[in-house]
Structures are given as C-alpha cells and as structure tokens.
N, C-alpha and C. Protein backbone atom coordinates (compact mmCIF):
# COMPACT_ATOMS: atom_id res chain seq x y z
N MET A 1 115.53 -1.35 -81.80
CA MET A 1 115.53 -2.56 -81.91
C MET A 1 114.24 -3.36 -82.54
N GLU A 2 114.65 -4.45 -83.06
CA GLU A 2 113.66 -5.39 -83.67
C GLU A 2 113.20 -6.44 -82.83
N VAL A 3 111.99 -6.40 -82.49
CA VAL A 3 111.38 -7.53 -81.54
C VAL A 3 111.10 -8.83 -82.58
N VAL A 4 111.60 -9.72 -82.18
CA VAL A 4 111.26 -10.72 -82.71
C VAL A 4 110.25 -11.73 -82.29
N GLY A 5 109.76 -12.00 -80.96
CA GLY A 5 108.86 -12.50 -80.47
C GLY A 5 109.26 -13.08 -79.23
N SER A 6 108.06 -13.80 -78.67
CA SER A 6 108.63 -14.58 -77.38
C SER A 6 107.40 -15.73 -77.12
N PHE A 7 107.95 -16.78 -76.62
CA PHE A 7 107.17 -17.61 -76.16
C PHE A 7 106.69 -17.82 -74.67
N ASP A 8 107.11 -17.01 -73.92
CA ASP A 8 107.31 -16.86 -72.57
C ASP A 8 105.61 -16.62 -71.94
N GLY A 9 105.26 -17.81 -71.29
CA GLY A 9 103.80 -17.88 -70.69
C GLY A 9 103.19 -18.55 -71.89
N VAL A 10 102.23 -19.53 -71.55
CA VAL A 10 101.67 -20.45 -72.48
C VAL A 10 100.60 -19.81 -73.49
N GLY A 11 100.82 -19.72 -74.55
CA GLY A 11 100.06 -19.21 -75.27
C GLY A 11 100.46 -18.08 -75.81
N ASP A 12 101.32 -17.09 -75.14
CA ASP A 12 101.65 -15.90 -75.30
C ASP A 12 102.38 -15.53 -76.33
N ILE A 13 102.25 -14.93 -77.62
CA ILE A 13 103.05 -14.76 -78.49
C ILE A 13 102.96 -13.17 -79.07
N TYR A 14 104.45 -12.60 -78.88
CA TYR A 14 104.09 -11.43 -79.84
C TYR A 14 105.23 -11.44 -80.90
N TYR A 15 104.72 -10.65 -82.05
CA TYR A 15 105.30 -10.72 -83.41
C TYR A 15 105.49 -9.37 -83.88
N ALA A 16 106.83 -8.78 -83.98
CA ALA A 16 106.96 -7.65 -84.44
C ALA A 16 106.67 -6.43 -83.28
N GLY A 17 106.52 -6.98 -82.38
CA GLY A 17 106.18 -6.02 -81.13
C GLY A 17 104.67 -5.75 -80.91
N ARG A 18 103.85 -6.62 -81.77
CA ARG A 18 102.34 -6.38 -81.62
C ARG A 18 102.20 -7.65 -80.98
N LYS A 19 100.85 -7.74 -80.00
CA LYS A 19 100.62 -9.14 -79.54
C LYS A 19 99.94 -9.81 -80.33
N VAL A 20 100.25 -10.95 -80.69
CA VAL A 20 99.19 -12.02 -81.65
C VAL A 20 98.28 -12.91 -80.94
N MET A 21 98.68 -13.21 -79.57
CA MET A 21 97.70 -13.97 -78.75
C MET A 21 98.09 -13.98 -77.70
N GLY A 22 97.30 -14.07 -76.64
CA GLY A 22 97.69 -14.51 -75.37
C GLY A 22 97.56 -13.32 -74.23
N SER A 23 97.69 -13.37 -73.09
CA SER A 23 97.77 -12.20 -71.94
C SER A 23 98.82 -11.68 -71.69
N GLN A 24 100.15 -12.53 -71.48
CA GLN A 24 101.28 -11.80 -71.05
C GLN A 24 102.30 -12.12 -71.92
N SER A 25 103.22 -11.59 -71.94
CA SER A 25 104.60 -12.15 -72.41
C SER A 25 105.88 -11.17 -72.30
N ARG A 26 107.27 -11.58 -72.60
CA ARG A 26 108.16 -10.67 -72.12
C ARG A 26 108.71 -10.58 -74.05
N PHE A 27 109.11 -9.36 -74.22
CA PHE A 27 109.71 -9.22 -75.50
C PHE A 27 111.14 -9.73 -75.61
N ILE A 28 111.44 -10.46 -76.84
CA ILE A 28 112.88 -10.71 -77.15
C ILE A 28 113.70 -10.01 -78.38
N ARG A 29 114.62 -8.99 -77.78
CA ARG A 29 114.96 -8.25 -78.72
C ARG A 29 116.13 -9.09 -79.73
N GLN A 30 116.16 -8.75 -80.99
CA GLN A 30 117.07 -9.49 -81.80
C GLN A 30 118.39 -9.35 -81.14
N ASP A 31 119.33 -8.72 -80.67
CA ASP A 31 120.42 -8.70 -80.33
C ASP A 31 120.51 -9.91 -78.96
N GLN A 32 119.32 -10.07 -78.44
CA GLN A 32 119.33 -10.87 -77.38
C GLN A 32 119.25 -12.28 -78.01
N LEU A 33 118.15 -12.28 -79.05
CA LEU A 33 118.33 -13.79 -79.74
C LEU A 33 119.69 -14.01 -80.36
N ASP A 34 120.63 -13.03 -80.89
CA ASP A 34 121.66 -13.49 -81.41
C ASP A 34 122.60 -13.96 -80.32
N LYS A 35 122.66 -13.31 -79.39
CA LYS A 35 123.55 -14.14 -78.24
C LYS A 35 123.13 -15.57 -77.88
N SER A 36 122.01 -15.57 -77.80
CA SER A 36 121.41 -17.15 -77.38
C SER A 36 121.57 -18.14 -78.09
N LEU A 37 121.83 -17.89 -79.53
CA LEU A 37 121.89 -18.86 -80.53
C LEU A 37 122.90 -19.93 -80.53
N PRO A 38 122.81 -21.22 -80.56
CA PRO A 38 123.93 -22.28 -80.56
C PRO A 38 124.33 -22.16 -82.06
N PRO A 39 125.61 -22.49 -81.78
CA PRO A 39 126.45 -22.57 -83.38
C PRO A 39 125.63 -23.63 -84.33
N ILE A 40 125.35 -23.25 -85.47
CA ILE A 40 124.71 -24.06 -86.57
C ILE A 40 125.76 -24.76 -87.30
N ARG A 41 125.76 -26.07 -87.35
CA ARG A 41 126.44 -26.88 -88.52
C ARG A 41 125.45 -27.56 -89.34
N GLY A 42 125.21 -26.84 -90.52
CA GLY A 42 124.22 -27.43 -91.25
C GLY A 42 124.36 -27.41 -92.67
N PRO A 43 123.27 -27.40 -93.64
CA PRO A 43 122.06 -26.69 -93.38
C PRO A 43 121.03 -27.70 -92.54
N TRP A 44 120.56 -27.57 -91.42
CA TRP A 44 119.74 -28.37 -91.22
C TRP A 44 118.27 -27.94 -91.49
N ARG A 45 117.52 -29.07 -91.89
CA ARG A 45 115.93 -28.88 -92.42
C ARG A 45 115.28 -29.36 -91.10
N ILE A 46 114.22 -28.22 -90.83
CA ILE A 46 113.34 -28.29 -89.79
C ILE A 46 111.84 -28.45 -90.24
N LEU A 47 110.98 -29.61 -90.10
CA LEU A 47 109.95 -29.63 -90.45
C LEU A 47 109.07 -29.21 -89.18
N CYS A 48 108.07 -28.14 -89.14
CA CYS A 48 106.85 -27.69 -88.43
C CYS A 48 105.79 -27.95 -88.35
N VAL A 49 104.96 -28.65 -87.88
CA VAL A 49 103.50 -28.83 -88.18
C VAL A 49 102.99 -28.26 -86.94
N ASP A 50 101.82 -27.23 -87.13
CA ASP A 50 100.98 -26.67 -86.03
C ASP A 50 99.78 -25.96 -86.76
N ASP A 51 98.42 -26.40 -86.23
CA ASP A 51 97.41 -25.68 -86.86
C ASP A 51 97.16 -24.13 -86.39
N ASP A 52 97.85 -23.86 -85.67
CA ASP A 52 97.70 -22.27 -84.98
C ASP A 52 98.81 -21.44 -85.71
N LEU A 53 98.27 -21.04 -86.94
CA LEU A 53 99.14 -20.16 -88.33
C LEU A 53 100.10 -19.05 -87.43
N ALA A 54 99.52 -18.37 -86.28
CA ALA A 54 100.42 -17.36 -85.70
C ALA A 54 101.54 -18.08 -85.21
N SER A 55 101.43 -19.12 -84.37
CA SER A 55 102.30 -19.71 -83.41
C SER A 55 103.50 -20.29 -84.68
N LEU A 56 102.84 -20.91 -85.76
CA LEU A 56 103.69 -21.59 -86.91
C LEU A 56 104.54 -20.42 -87.60
N HIS A 57 103.92 -19.38 -87.85
CA HIS A 57 104.76 -18.36 -88.59
C HIS A 57 106.04 -17.56 -87.51
N LEU A 58 105.36 -17.53 -86.44
CA LEU A 58 106.62 -16.88 -85.64
C LEU A 58 107.82 -18.01 -85.17
N ARG A 59 107.59 -19.36 -85.14
CA ARG A 59 108.29 -20.47 -84.77
C ARG A 59 108.96 -20.45 -86.08
N ARG A 60 108.71 -20.31 -87.18
CA ARG A 60 109.44 -20.32 -88.46
C ARG A 60 110.47 -19.17 -88.48
N ALA A 61 110.13 -18.09 -88.12
CA ALA A 61 110.74 -16.56 -88.56
C ALA A 61 112.18 -16.91 -87.46
N ILE A 62 111.74 -17.22 -86.22
CA ILE A 62 113.00 -17.44 -85.18
C ILE A 62 113.84 -18.49 -85.63
N LEU A 63 113.40 -19.75 -85.95
CA LEU A 63 114.26 -20.92 -86.39
C LEU A 63 115.05 -20.43 -87.66
N GLU A 64 114.24 -19.63 -88.79
CA GLU A 64 115.31 -19.05 -89.88
C GLU A 64 116.30 -18.25 -89.29
N ARG A 65 115.78 -17.17 -88.49
CA ARG A 65 116.88 -16.47 -87.66
C ARG A 65 118.23 -17.12 -87.18
N ALA A 66 117.64 -18.22 -86.80
CA ALA A 66 118.87 -18.89 -85.99
C ALA A 66 119.54 -19.65 -87.15
N GLY A 67 119.13 -19.89 -88.31
CA GLY A 67 120.28 -20.40 -89.41
C GLY A 67 119.41 -21.78 -90.13
N TYR A 68 118.31 -22.07 -89.51
CA TYR A 68 117.68 -23.43 -89.86
C TYR A 68 116.96 -23.22 -91.13
N GLN A 69 116.61 -24.22 -92.04
CA GLN A 69 116.04 -24.08 -93.10
C GLN A 69 114.75 -24.79 -92.61
N VAL A 70 113.48 -23.88 -92.75
CA VAL A 70 112.17 -24.69 -92.02
C VAL A 70 111.00 -24.79 -93.04
N ILE A 71 110.35 -26.06 -92.93
CA ILE A 71 109.37 -26.26 -93.75
C ILE A 71 108.24 -26.00 -92.56
N SER A 72 107.02 -25.20 -93.07
CA SER A 72 106.22 -25.10 -91.90
C SER A 72 104.74 -25.46 -92.67
N ILE A 73 104.15 -26.01 -91.85
CA ILE A 73 102.89 -26.67 -92.55
C ILE A 73 101.67 -26.83 -91.51
N ASP A 74 100.69 -26.42 -91.96
CA ASP A 74 99.42 -26.29 -91.05
C ASP A 74 98.70 -27.17 -90.86
N ARG A 75 98.66 -28.31 -91.52
CA ARG A 75 97.67 -29.47 -92.10
C ARG A 75 98.55 -30.86 -91.80
N PRO A 76 98.28 -31.66 -90.53
CA PRO A 76 99.23 -32.89 -90.63
C PRO A 76 99.20 -33.76 -91.91
N SER A 77 98.20 -33.75 -92.64
CA SER A 77 98.16 -34.58 -93.70
C SER A 77 99.44 -34.03 -94.96
N GLU A 78 99.49 -32.86 -94.87
CA GLU A 78 100.71 -32.18 -95.83
C GLU A 78 102.09 -32.90 -95.14
N ALA A 79 102.17 -33.01 -94.35
CA ALA A 79 103.55 -33.34 -93.54
C ALA A 79 103.73 -34.67 -94.12
N LEU A 80 102.74 -35.65 -94.06
CA LEU A 80 102.99 -36.86 -94.52
C LEU A 80 103.44 -37.02 -96.29
N GLU A 81 103.19 -35.91 -96.76
CA GLU A 81 103.54 -35.44 -98.40
C GLU A 81 105.04 -35.05 -98.44
N GLN A 82 105.69 -34.86 -97.61
CA GLN A 82 106.92 -34.20 -97.61
C GLN A 82 107.90 -35.31 -97.88
N ASP A 83 109.17 -35.01 -98.48
CA ASP A 83 110.09 -36.01 -98.75
C ASP A 83 110.78 -36.07 -97.22
N LEU A 84 110.67 -37.07 -96.30
CA LEU A 84 111.11 -36.94 -95.17
C LEU A 84 112.44 -37.31 -94.96
N SER A 85 113.08 -37.80 -96.11
CA SER A 85 114.60 -38.15 -96.10
C SER A 85 115.44 -36.98 -95.88
N VAL A 86 114.92 -35.70 -96.34
CA VAL A 86 115.83 -34.55 -96.27
C VAL A 86 115.49 -33.56 -94.90
N ILE A 87 114.63 -34.32 -94.15
CA ILE A 87 114.40 -33.49 -92.92
C ILE A 87 115.19 -34.44 -91.72
N ASP A 88 115.79 -33.25 -90.88
CA ASP A 88 116.62 -33.54 -89.87
C ASP A 88 116.03 -33.42 -88.44
N LEU A 89 114.83 -32.78 -88.39
CA LEU A 89 114.42 -32.53 -87.27
C LEU A 89 112.65 -32.10 -87.36
N ILE A 90 111.80 -32.70 -86.70
CA ILE A 90 110.35 -32.45 -86.76
C ILE A 90 110.03 -31.86 -85.49
N LEU A 91 109.11 -30.60 -85.63
CA LEU A 91 108.50 -29.99 -84.54
C LEU A 91 106.94 -30.27 -84.52
N LEU A 92 106.29 -31.02 -83.77
CA LEU A 92 104.90 -31.22 -84.09
C LEU A 92 103.87 -30.40 -82.46
N ASP A 93 102.95 -30.07 -83.08
CA ASP A 93 101.78 -29.77 -81.95
C ASP A 93 101.20 -30.92 -81.84
N TYR A 94 100.68 -31.08 -80.62
CA TYR A 94 99.95 -32.31 -80.18
C TYR A 94 98.31 -32.08 -80.69
N ASP A 95 97.68 -31.02 -80.56
CA ASP A 95 96.11 -30.62 -80.42
C ASP A 95 95.92 -30.03 -81.88
N MET A 96 95.77 -30.80 -83.07
CA MET A 96 95.68 -30.67 -84.23
C MET A 96 94.07 -31.33 -84.55
N PRO A 97 93.36 -30.62 -85.53
CA PRO A 97 91.76 -30.84 -86.24
C PRO A 97 91.85 -32.20 -86.64
N GLU A 98 92.88 -32.51 -87.71
CA GLU A 98 92.80 -33.51 -88.55
C GLU A 98 93.15 -34.93 -87.99
N MET A 99 94.40 -34.63 -87.27
CA MET A 99 94.80 -35.99 -86.51
C MET A 99 95.48 -35.37 -85.40
N ASN A 100 95.85 -36.02 -84.22
CA ASN A 100 96.61 -35.07 -83.07
C ASN A 100 98.32 -35.55 -83.37
N GLY A 101 98.98 -35.24 -82.35
CA GLY A 101 100.47 -35.43 -82.64
C GLY A 101 100.81 -36.79 -82.43
N ARG A 102 100.03 -37.61 -81.58
CA ARG A 102 100.71 -39.02 -81.68
C ARG A 102 100.24 -39.69 -83.10
N GLU A 103 99.17 -39.27 -83.55
CA GLU A 103 98.55 -40.02 -84.73
C GLU A 103 99.81 -39.74 -86.04
N LEU A 104 100.15 -38.71 -86.00
CA LEU A 104 100.80 -38.06 -87.05
C LEU A 104 102.43 -38.63 -86.91
N PHE A 105 102.81 -38.86 -85.47
CA PHE A 105 103.86 -39.38 -85.23
C PHE A 105 103.80 -40.62 -85.68
N LEU A 106 102.96 -41.49 -85.31
CA LEU A 106 102.84 -42.87 -85.71
C LEU A 106 102.86 -42.95 -87.65
N ARG A 107 102.46 -42.11 -88.06
CA ARG A 107 102.10 -41.92 -89.50
C ARG A 107 103.74 -41.67 -89.87
N LEU A 108 104.23 -40.69 -89.44
CA LEU A 108 105.28 -40.19 -89.90
C LEU A 108 106.77 -41.48 -89.91
N ARG A 109 106.59 -42.02 -88.54
CA ARG A 109 107.47 -43.38 -88.45
C ARG A 109 107.21 -44.31 -89.46
N THR A 110 105.70 -44.50 -89.85
CA THR A 110 105.25 -45.56 -90.57
C THR A 110 106.02 -45.22 -92.24
N ALA A 111 106.07 -43.66 -92.15
CA ALA A 111 106.58 -43.41 -93.67
C ALA A 111 108.05 -43.21 -93.65
N ARG A 112 108.60 -43.82 -92.39
CA ARG A 112 110.14 -43.91 -92.62
C ARG A 112 110.86 -42.80 -92.12
N ALA A 113 110.40 -42.00 -91.28
CA ALA A 113 110.98 -40.52 -90.45
C ALA A 113 111.88 -41.22 -89.68
N ILE A 114 113.28 -41.06 -89.95
CA ILE A 114 114.16 -41.38 -88.66
C ILE A 114 114.77 -40.41 -87.89
N CYS A 115 114.62 -39.19 -88.32
CA CYS A 115 115.02 -37.99 -87.42
C CYS A 115 114.04 -38.02 -86.12
N PRO A 116 114.91 -37.23 -85.56
CA PRO A 116 114.13 -36.89 -84.00
C PRO A 116 112.70 -36.32 -84.16
N ILE A 117 111.63 -36.59 -83.41
CA ILE A 117 110.65 -35.62 -83.60
C ILE A 117 110.17 -35.31 -82.12
N LEU A 118 110.05 -34.19 -82.23
CA LEU A 118 109.90 -33.35 -81.05
C LEU A 118 108.32 -32.86 -80.84
N LEU A 119 107.72 -32.88 -79.76
CA LEU A 119 106.52 -32.41 -79.32
C LEU A 119 106.37 -30.99 -78.79
N LEU A 120 105.80 -30.17 -79.33
CA LEU A 120 105.51 -28.79 -78.78
C LEU A 120 104.28 -28.51 -78.42
N SER A 121 103.76 -28.39 -77.25
CA SER A 121 102.36 -28.47 -77.01
C SER A 121 102.08 -27.47 -75.67
N GLY A 122 100.95 -26.79 -75.89
CA GLY A 122 100.60 -25.90 -74.75
C GLY A 122 100.27 -26.65 -73.68
N CYS A 123 100.07 -27.91 -73.70
CA CYS A 123 99.91 -28.81 -72.45
C CYS A 123 100.34 -30.34 -72.24
N VAL A 124 101.43 -29.82 -72.05
CA VAL A 124 102.31 -31.24 -72.12
C VAL A 124 101.71 -31.94 -70.99
N GLU A 125 101.58 -31.43 -69.91
CA GLU A 125 101.32 -32.17 -68.76
C GLU A 125 99.58 -33.17 -69.08
N GLY A 126 99.05 -32.83 -69.64
CA GLY A 126 97.73 -33.16 -70.33
C GLY A 126 97.64 -34.26 -71.19
N ILE A 127 99.07 -34.66 -71.65
CA ILE A 127 99.33 -35.94 -72.72
C ILE A 127 99.61 -36.98 -71.73
N PRO A 128 98.96 -37.98 -72.11
CA PRO A 128 99.17 -39.65 -71.38
C PRO A 128 100.85 -39.80 -71.34
N PRO A 129 101.37 -40.24 -70.32
CA PRO A 129 102.66 -40.55 -70.39
C PRO A 129 103.18 -41.57 -71.44
N GLU A 130 102.17 -42.42 -71.89
CA GLU A 130 102.48 -43.48 -72.41
C GLU A 130 102.45 -42.84 -74.21
N VAL A 131 102.05 -41.65 -74.36
CA VAL A 131 102.19 -41.01 -75.52
C VAL A 131 103.35 -40.01 -75.72
N ARG A 132 103.60 -39.46 -74.71
CA ARG A 132 104.98 -38.58 -74.30
C ARG A 132 105.99 -39.35 -74.59
N VAL A 133 106.41 -40.61 -74.02
CA VAL A 133 107.42 -41.17 -74.17
C VAL A 133 107.69 -41.68 -75.78
N LEU A 134 106.75 -41.45 -76.70
CA LEU A 134 107.10 -41.97 -78.04
C LEU A 134 108.03 -40.69 -78.75
N PHE A 135 107.89 -39.29 -78.05
CA PHE A 135 108.73 -38.20 -78.68
C PHE A 135 109.89 -38.32 -78.30
N SER A 136 111.00 -37.65 -79.12
CA SER A 136 112.26 -37.58 -78.38
C SER A 136 112.42 -36.73 -77.16
N THR A 137 111.50 -35.55 -77.41
CA THR A 137 111.31 -34.90 -75.90
C THR A 137 109.78 -34.18 -76.23
N CYS A 138 109.32 -33.67 -75.25
CA CYS A 138 108.09 -33.01 -75.13
C CYS A 138 108.51 -31.22 -74.60
N ILE A 139 108.14 -30.41 -75.22
CA ILE A 139 108.36 -29.08 -74.86
C ILE A 139 107.46 -28.31 -74.59
N THR A 140 107.11 -27.58 -73.63
CA THR A 140 105.58 -26.95 -73.44
C THR A 140 105.97 -25.54 -74.18
N LYS A 141 104.92 -25.34 -74.99
CA LYS A 141 105.13 -23.85 -75.60
C LYS A 141 105.20 -22.41 -74.57
N GLY A 142 105.13 -22.65 -73.57
CA GLY A 142 105.55 -21.59 -72.69
C GLY A 142 107.29 -21.73 -72.64
N THR A 143 107.97 -22.52 -73.00
CA THR A 143 109.53 -22.44 -72.63
C THR A 143 109.99 -21.15 -73.37
N PRO A 144 110.88 -20.65 -72.65
CA PRO A 144 111.77 -19.29 -73.33
C PRO A 144 112.29 -19.98 -74.96
N ILE A 145 112.53 -19.08 -75.73
CA ILE A 145 113.21 -19.29 -76.90
C ILE A 145 114.59 -19.88 -77.28
N GLU A 146 115.42 -19.18 -76.12
CA GLU A 146 116.53 -19.53 -75.81
C GLU A 146 116.80 -21.26 -75.57
N GLU A 147 115.83 -21.47 -74.75
CA GLU A 147 115.70 -23.02 -74.34
C GLU A 147 115.45 -23.95 -75.57
N ILE A 148 114.33 -23.71 -76.27
CA ILE A 148 113.83 -24.51 -77.21
C ILE A 148 115.04 -24.40 -78.56
N LEU A 149 115.43 -23.27 -78.61
CA LEU A 149 116.80 -23.49 -79.64
C LEU A 149 117.95 -24.29 -78.99
N ALA A 150 118.45 -24.19 -77.84
CA ALA A 150 119.22 -25.25 -77.33
C ALA A 150 118.98 -26.59 -77.42
N ILE A 151 117.45 -27.17 -77.22
CA ILE A 151 117.08 -28.27 -77.32
C ILE A 151 117.18 -28.70 -78.81
N VAL A 152 116.77 -27.87 -79.63
CA VAL A 152 116.75 -28.38 -81.33
C VAL A 152 118.11 -28.66 -81.61
N ALA A 153 119.29 -27.75 -81.11
CA ALA A 153 120.45 -27.53 -81.50
C ALA A 153 121.03 -28.95 -80.72
N ALA A 154 120.83 -29.45 -79.71
CA ALA A 154 121.20 -30.73 -78.98
C ALA A 154 120.85 -32.01 -79.75
N TYR A 155 119.71 -31.86 -80.04
CA TYR A 155 118.98 -33.10 -81.09
C TYR A 155 119.48 -33.35 -82.28
N LEU A 156 120.03 -31.99 -82.93
CA LEU A 156 120.52 -31.92 -84.08
C LEU A 156 122.08 -32.41 -84.39
N GLU A 157 122.67 -31.78 -83.06
CA GLU A 157 124.11 -32.52 -82.82
C GLU A 157 124.08 -33.81 -82.65
N GLN A 158 123.26 -34.46 -81.86
CA GLN A 158 123.35 -35.86 -81.57
C GLN A 158 123.03 -36.82 -83.05
N ALA A 159 122.32 -36.14 -83.83
CA ALA A 159 121.99 -36.73 -85.22
C ALA A 159 123.23 -36.83 -85.94
N MET A 160 123.95 -35.89 -85.90
CA MET A 160 125.10 -35.50 -86.79
C MET A 160 126.24 -36.77 -86.21
N MET A 161 126.28 -36.49 -84.86
CA MET A 161 127.08 -37.67 -84.42
C MET A 161 126.96 -38.97 -84.94
N ARG A 162 125.57 -39.19 -84.49
CA ARG A 162 125.10 -40.73 -85.10
C ARG A 162 125.31 -41.00 -86.35
N ASP A 163 125.38 -40.12 -87.52
CA ASP A 163 125.28 -40.43 -88.64
C ASP A 163 126.75 -39.99 -89.31
N ALA A 164 127.78 -39.76 -88.32
CA ALA A 164 129.02 -39.52 -88.64
C ALA A 164 129.67 -40.95 -89.03
N PRO A 165 130.82 -40.74 -89.81
CA PRO A 165 131.19 -42.29 -90.31
C PRO A 165 132.25 -42.46 -89.28
C-alpha cells in the first residue's frame, strides 16, 4: 500500500515511506486516509503558506488527495500576490523568515481576504493569546491528518452556508 504521510508528533513527517524530518511518526496508508476523508463539496481552493518545503509539499499532496485544489507558497510575500477572491481557505505557518503569521494575516485581511485563515504551527502554545485569536483556529503541526482534514472541511462547510442565498 502507498504511504501518504503523517503529521503525528511535532515536526515528524514521512513522505512515501521515507522520513523527511523529525524523530518519530506513524504511517498513514492510503486506504486509511480515504476512509477518513470528509465529503468534498467544491471545488475548494486552499492557499498554504509555509517556509518549510517538506511540510508544504506533504500538506499539498494530502489536501489534493482529499479533493482540494491547493496553491502552495513558501514565501509570505508571494501569498499577497495571489487573487484572494478565488481562495476559500488559507493555512499559514507562524514562524517564517520574511514575515511571521500575524503580519501575513494582517496583510491578507488588508488585501481583502475574507475566507477563514487557519494557523498551522509547531508551537501554538508559544504564540501570544492576542495573536492566536486573530485566526479562525490554531492547529498544532502534530495534529493527526484526519483531524486537520476534518477542521478544514468544517470551516469550508461554514463558509458555504454563509455564502448560500
């Protein structure tokens, strides 16, 4: 069976059965991932911004396998160049070299991003509460894939209900 990857354990990432980074992880087989996927009503477009290329590529592969269209960007300034009117959800890392997640969040909102913006970080507890409340939700990178997909689906479902006539 094809091994898709895992986010179990902060910073632990496997891709195609090989350790990409971290010290411990569990494998997610393709059949397990398919059973855990929420139904997709879309096509939903997700913008992922993370300076860690291994995490970014794995996240993109998992989200695409779940049926989402994904734009993955490793530099925050490039996120600001996107047509935000066609983005349904944004997943941001917090600790990035060009600007942190808070700065990018504020710039995205100034650029009229109206979709949910979720923070996905390895150290959510270390981010001040006054920053965490800006985001729709904050997810620790160690959260199991199934939970991340369920959270994403829930926010997209809320957006669909909000936008319904």
